[in-house]
N, C-alpha and C. Protein backbone atom coordinates (compact mmCIF):
# COMPACT_ATOMS: atom_id res chain seq x y z
N MET A 1 15.99 8.36 3.89
CA MET A 1 15.14 7.33 3.31
C MET A 1 13.68 7.74 3.50
N TYR A 2 12.86 7.43 2.54
CA TYR A 2 11.46 7.86 2.57
C TYR A 2 10.61 7.04 3.51
N LEU A 3 11.00 5.84 3.85
CA LEU A 3 10.18 4.95 4.66
C LEU A 3 10.94 4.59 5.93
N THR A 4 10.86 5.47 6.92
CA THR A 4 11.55 5.23 8.17
C THR A 4 10.69 4.38 9.09
N LYS A 5 11.26 3.98 10.19
CA LYS A 5 10.56 3.16 11.16
C LYS A 5 9.33 3.90 11.71
N GLU A 6 9.49 5.21 11.93
CA GLU A 6 8.40 6.00 12.48
C GLU A 6 7.23 6.10 11.49
N VAL A 7 7.55 6.24 10.20
CA VAL A 7 6.50 6.32 9.18
C VAL A 7 5.74 5.00 9.10
N LYS A 8 6.46 3.89 9.15
CA LYS A 8 5.82 2.58 9.12
C LYS A 8 4.90 2.40 10.33
N GLU A 9 5.40 2.77 11.52
CA GLU A 9 4.59 2.63 12.72
C GLU A 9 3.33 3.48 12.63
N GLU A 10 3.46 4.68 12.07
CA GLU A 10 2.29 5.55 11.92
C GLU A 10 1.26 4.94 10.97
N ILE A 11 1.74 4.36 9.86
CA ILE A 11 0.84 3.74 8.89
C ILE A 11 0.10 2.57 9.54
N PHE A 12 0.84 1.71 10.24
CA PHE A 12 0.21 0.55 10.86
C PHE A 12 -0.69 0.94 12.03
N LYS A 13 -0.34 2.01 12.72
CA LYS A 13 -1.18 2.50 13.82
C LYS A 13 -2.51 3.03 13.28
N LYS A 14 -2.45 3.72 12.15
CA LYS A 14 -3.65 4.33 11.57
C LYS A 14 -4.54 3.29 10.90
N HIS A 15 -3.94 2.33 10.19
CA HIS A 15 -4.73 1.40 9.39
C HIS A 15 -4.78 -0.01 9.97
N GLY A 16 -3.88 -0.36 10.86
CA GLY A 16 -3.90 -1.67 11.48
C GLY A 16 -4.50 -1.60 12.86
N LYS A 17 -4.25 -2.62 13.65
CA LYS A 17 -4.76 -2.63 15.02
C LYS A 17 -3.85 -1.86 15.96
N SER A 18 -2.54 -1.91 15.71
CA SER A 18 -1.57 -1.15 16.50
C SER A 18 -0.34 -0.92 15.64
N GLU A 19 0.65 -0.16 16.17
CA GLU A 19 1.83 0.10 15.37
C GLU A 19 2.71 -1.14 15.20
N LYS A 20 2.52 -2.14 16.04
CA LYS A 20 3.30 -3.38 15.94
C LYS A 20 2.59 -4.44 15.11
N ASP A 21 1.35 -4.20 14.72
CA ASP A 21 0.57 -5.17 13.95
C ASP A 21 0.88 -5.01 12.47
N THR A 22 1.94 -5.63 12.02
CA THR A 22 2.38 -5.49 10.63
C THR A 22 1.75 -6.52 9.72
N GLY A 23 0.99 -7.45 10.26
CA GLY A 23 0.44 -8.53 9.45
C GLY A 23 -0.98 -8.31 8.99
N SER A 24 -1.65 -7.27 9.49
CA SER A 24 -3.04 -7.07 9.10
C SER A 24 -3.11 -6.68 7.62
N THR A 25 -4.15 -7.13 6.98
CA THR A 25 -4.31 -6.88 5.55
C THR A 25 -4.41 -5.39 5.26
N GLU A 26 -5.19 -4.67 6.08
CA GLU A 26 -5.35 -3.24 5.86
C GLU A 26 -4.03 -2.50 6.02
N GLY A 27 -3.23 -2.90 7.00
CA GLY A 27 -1.92 -2.27 7.21
C GLY A 27 -0.99 -2.50 6.03
N GLN A 28 -0.99 -3.72 5.52
CA GLN A 28 -0.13 -4.02 4.39
C GLN A 28 -0.57 -3.26 3.14
N ILE A 29 -1.88 -3.16 2.93
CA ILE A 29 -2.39 -2.42 1.78
C ILE A 29 -2.00 -0.95 1.90
N ALA A 30 -2.11 -0.39 3.10
CA ALA A 30 -1.74 1.01 3.31
C ALA A 30 -0.25 1.22 3.08
N LEU A 31 0.58 0.29 3.53
CA LEU A 31 2.02 0.40 3.32
C LEU A 31 2.36 0.31 1.83
N PHE A 32 1.75 -0.63 1.13
CA PHE A 32 1.98 -0.74 -0.31
C PHE A 32 1.53 0.53 -1.03
N THR A 33 0.42 1.12 -0.60
CA THR A 33 -0.07 2.35 -1.22
C THR A 33 0.91 3.48 -1.01
N HIS A 34 1.48 3.58 0.18
CA HIS A 34 2.48 4.61 0.45
C HIS A 34 3.70 4.43 -0.46
N ARG A 35 4.16 3.19 -0.58
CA ARG A 35 5.32 2.92 -1.43
C ARG A 35 5.01 3.16 -2.90
N ILE A 36 3.80 2.80 -3.35
CA ILE A 36 3.40 3.02 -4.73
C ILE A 36 3.37 4.50 -5.05
N ASN A 37 2.83 5.29 -4.14
CA ASN A 37 2.77 6.74 -4.35
C ASN A 37 4.17 7.34 -4.46
N TYR A 38 5.09 6.87 -3.62
CA TYR A 38 6.46 7.37 -3.68
C TYR A 38 7.13 6.99 -5.00
N LEU A 39 7.00 5.74 -5.39
CA LEU A 39 7.63 5.28 -6.63
C LEU A 39 7.02 5.95 -7.86
N THR A 40 5.74 6.26 -7.82
CA THR A 40 5.11 6.96 -8.93
C THR A 40 5.71 8.35 -9.10
N GLY A 41 5.92 9.04 -7.99
CA GLY A 41 6.56 10.35 -8.05
C GLY A 41 7.99 10.27 -8.56
N HIS A 42 8.71 9.22 -8.14
CA HIS A 42 10.08 9.02 -8.60
C HIS A 42 10.12 8.78 -10.11
N LEU A 43 9.17 7.99 -10.60
CA LEU A 43 9.16 7.68 -12.04
C LEU A 43 8.75 8.87 -12.89
N LYS A 44 8.01 9.81 -12.32
CA LYS A 44 7.67 11.02 -13.08
C LYS A 44 8.92 11.85 -13.35
N GLU A 45 9.88 11.81 -12.45
CA GLU A 45 11.13 12.54 -12.63
C GLU A 45 12.16 11.75 -13.42
N ASN A 46 12.18 10.43 -13.24
CA ASN A 46 13.17 9.57 -13.86
C ASN A 46 12.47 8.56 -14.77
N ARG A 47 12.19 8.97 -15.97
CA ARG A 47 11.37 8.16 -16.87
C ARG A 47 12.07 6.89 -17.35
N LYS A 48 13.37 6.86 -17.36
CA LYS A 48 14.09 5.70 -17.89
C LYS A 48 14.56 4.73 -16.81
N ASP A 49 14.05 4.87 -15.62
CA ASP A 49 14.41 3.97 -14.52
C ASP A 49 13.52 2.73 -14.59
N PHE A 50 13.95 1.77 -15.39
CA PHE A 50 13.11 0.61 -15.67
C PHE A 50 13.06 -0.38 -14.51
N ASN A 51 14.09 -0.43 -13.68
CA ASN A 51 14.05 -1.30 -12.51
C ASN A 51 12.98 -0.84 -11.52
N THR A 52 12.90 0.46 -11.33
CA THR A 52 11.87 1.00 -10.44
C THR A 52 10.49 0.78 -11.03
N GLU A 53 10.38 0.88 -12.34
CA GLU A 53 9.10 0.65 -13.00
C GLU A 53 8.63 -0.78 -12.79
N ARG A 54 9.56 -1.71 -12.88
CA ARG A 54 9.22 -3.12 -12.65
C ARG A 54 8.80 -3.35 -11.21
N SER A 55 9.52 -2.72 -10.27
CA SER A 55 9.17 -2.83 -8.86
C SER A 55 7.78 -2.26 -8.59
N LEU A 56 7.47 -1.17 -9.25
CA LEU A 56 6.16 -0.55 -9.09
C LEU A 56 5.05 -1.49 -9.59
N VAL A 57 5.25 -2.11 -10.72
CA VAL A 57 4.26 -3.03 -11.26
C VAL A 57 4.07 -4.22 -10.33
N MET A 58 5.14 -4.72 -9.76
CA MET A 58 5.05 -5.84 -8.83
C MET A 58 4.29 -5.44 -7.56
N LEU A 59 4.56 -4.23 -7.05
CA LEU A 59 3.86 -3.75 -5.86
C LEU A 59 2.36 -3.59 -6.11
N VAL A 60 2.02 -3.06 -7.27
CA VAL A 60 0.61 -2.90 -7.61
C VAL A 60 -0.07 -4.27 -7.66
N GLY A 61 0.62 -5.26 -8.20
CA GLY A 61 0.07 -6.61 -8.25
C GLY A 61 -0.13 -7.21 -6.87
N LYS A 62 0.83 -6.99 -5.98
CA LYS A 62 0.70 -7.49 -4.61
C LYS A 62 -0.47 -6.82 -3.89
N ARG A 63 -0.59 -5.50 -4.08
CA ARG A 63 -1.68 -4.78 -3.44
C ARG A 63 -3.02 -5.25 -4.00
N ARG A 64 -3.07 -5.49 -5.31
CA ARG A 64 -4.31 -5.97 -5.92
C ARG A 64 -4.69 -7.33 -5.35
N SER A 65 -3.70 -8.21 -5.15
CA SER A 65 -3.98 -9.53 -4.58
C SER A 65 -4.54 -9.41 -3.17
N LEU A 66 -3.96 -8.53 -2.37
CA LEU A 66 -4.46 -8.33 -1.01
C LEU A 66 -5.86 -7.73 -1.02
N LEU A 67 -6.12 -6.80 -1.93
CA LEU A 67 -7.46 -6.23 -2.02
C LEU A 67 -8.48 -7.28 -2.45
N ASP A 68 -8.12 -8.15 -3.38
CA ASP A 68 -9.02 -9.22 -3.80
C ASP A 68 -9.31 -10.17 -2.64
N TYR A 69 -8.27 -10.49 -1.86
CA TYR A 69 -8.45 -11.35 -0.68
C TYR A 69 -9.41 -10.71 0.31
N LEU A 70 -9.20 -9.43 0.58
CA LEU A 70 -10.04 -8.73 1.54
C LEU A 70 -11.48 -8.63 1.03
N LYS A 71 -11.64 -8.47 -0.26
CA LYS A 71 -12.98 -8.39 -0.86
C LYS A 71 -13.72 -9.72 -0.69
N ARG A 72 -12.99 -10.83 -0.84
CA ARG A 72 -13.60 -12.15 -0.66
C ARG A 72 -13.98 -12.41 0.79
N LYS A 73 -13.12 -11.99 1.73
CA LYS A 73 -13.32 -12.30 3.14
C LYS A 73 -14.31 -11.37 3.82
N ASP A 74 -14.18 -10.05 3.59
CA ASP A 74 -15.04 -9.09 4.29
C ASP A 74 -15.22 -7.86 3.41
N ILE A 75 -16.37 -7.77 2.77
CA ILE A 75 -16.61 -6.70 1.80
C ILE A 75 -16.67 -5.33 2.48
N ASN A 76 -17.11 -5.28 3.73
CA ASN A 76 -17.21 -3.99 4.43
C ASN A 76 -15.83 -3.42 4.73
N ARG A 77 -14.90 -4.26 5.15
CA ARG A 77 -13.52 -3.81 5.40
C ARG A 77 -12.88 -3.37 4.08
N TYR A 78 -13.17 -4.10 3.00
CA TYR A 78 -12.66 -3.75 1.67
C TYR A 78 -13.14 -2.36 1.27
N ARG A 79 -14.42 -2.11 1.40
CA ARG A 79 -14.97 -0.81 1.02
C ARG A 79 -14.40 0.31 1.89
N ALA A 80 -14.19 0.03 3.17
CA ALA A 80 -13.64 1.05 4.07
C ALA A 80 -12.21 1.42 3.68
N ILE A 81 -11.38 0.43 3.37
CA ILE A 81 -9.97 0.72 3.04
C ILE A 81 -9.87 1.39 1.68
N ILE A 82 -10.74 1.02 0.74
CA ILE A 82 -10.76 1.67 -0.57
C ILE A 82 -11.10 3.15 -0.42
N LYS A 83 -12.11 3.42 0.40
CA LYS A 83 -12.56 4.81 0.60
C LYS A 83 -11.51 5.61 1.36
N GLU A 84 -10.88 5.00 2.35
CA GLU A 84 -9.91 5.69 3.19
C GLU A 84 -8.64 6.05 2.44
N LEU A 85 -8.17 5.15 1.57
CA LEU A 85 -6.91 5.37 0.86
C LEU A 85 -7.10 5.97 -0.54
N ASN A 86 -8.35 6.17 -0.94
CA ASN A 86 -8.66 6.70 -2.27
C ASN A 86 -8.06 5.84 -3.38
N ILE A 87 -8.28 4.54 -3.28
CA ILE A 87 -7.82 3.60 -4.30
C ILE A 87 -8.99 3.31 -5.21
N ARG A 88 -8.73 3.24 -6.48
CA ARG A 88 -9.79 2.88 -7.41
C ARG A 88 -9.36 1.61 -8.15
N LYS A 89 -10.33 0.81 -8.51
CA LYS A 89 -10.02 -0.44 -9.17
C LYS A 89 -9.81 -0.24 -10.64
């Protein structure tokens, strides 16, 4: 599986407060970005996988909502996570 417990802990350790802090906005955005990147690669190989395509669109929407929330609450944290993950609006 592409998303093991160790990979999740590493993502949350790098972008959250600790590896157990799964609720931070930055950690969730980083996790969604990792999943989006994986699904994008999968869809490049499997063009007719419409269920995965739908899941990808839903994930992008969730990440966008979290980014909008972070932008409203703290613009500096928003800019930092955008720059760190190379996300563009």
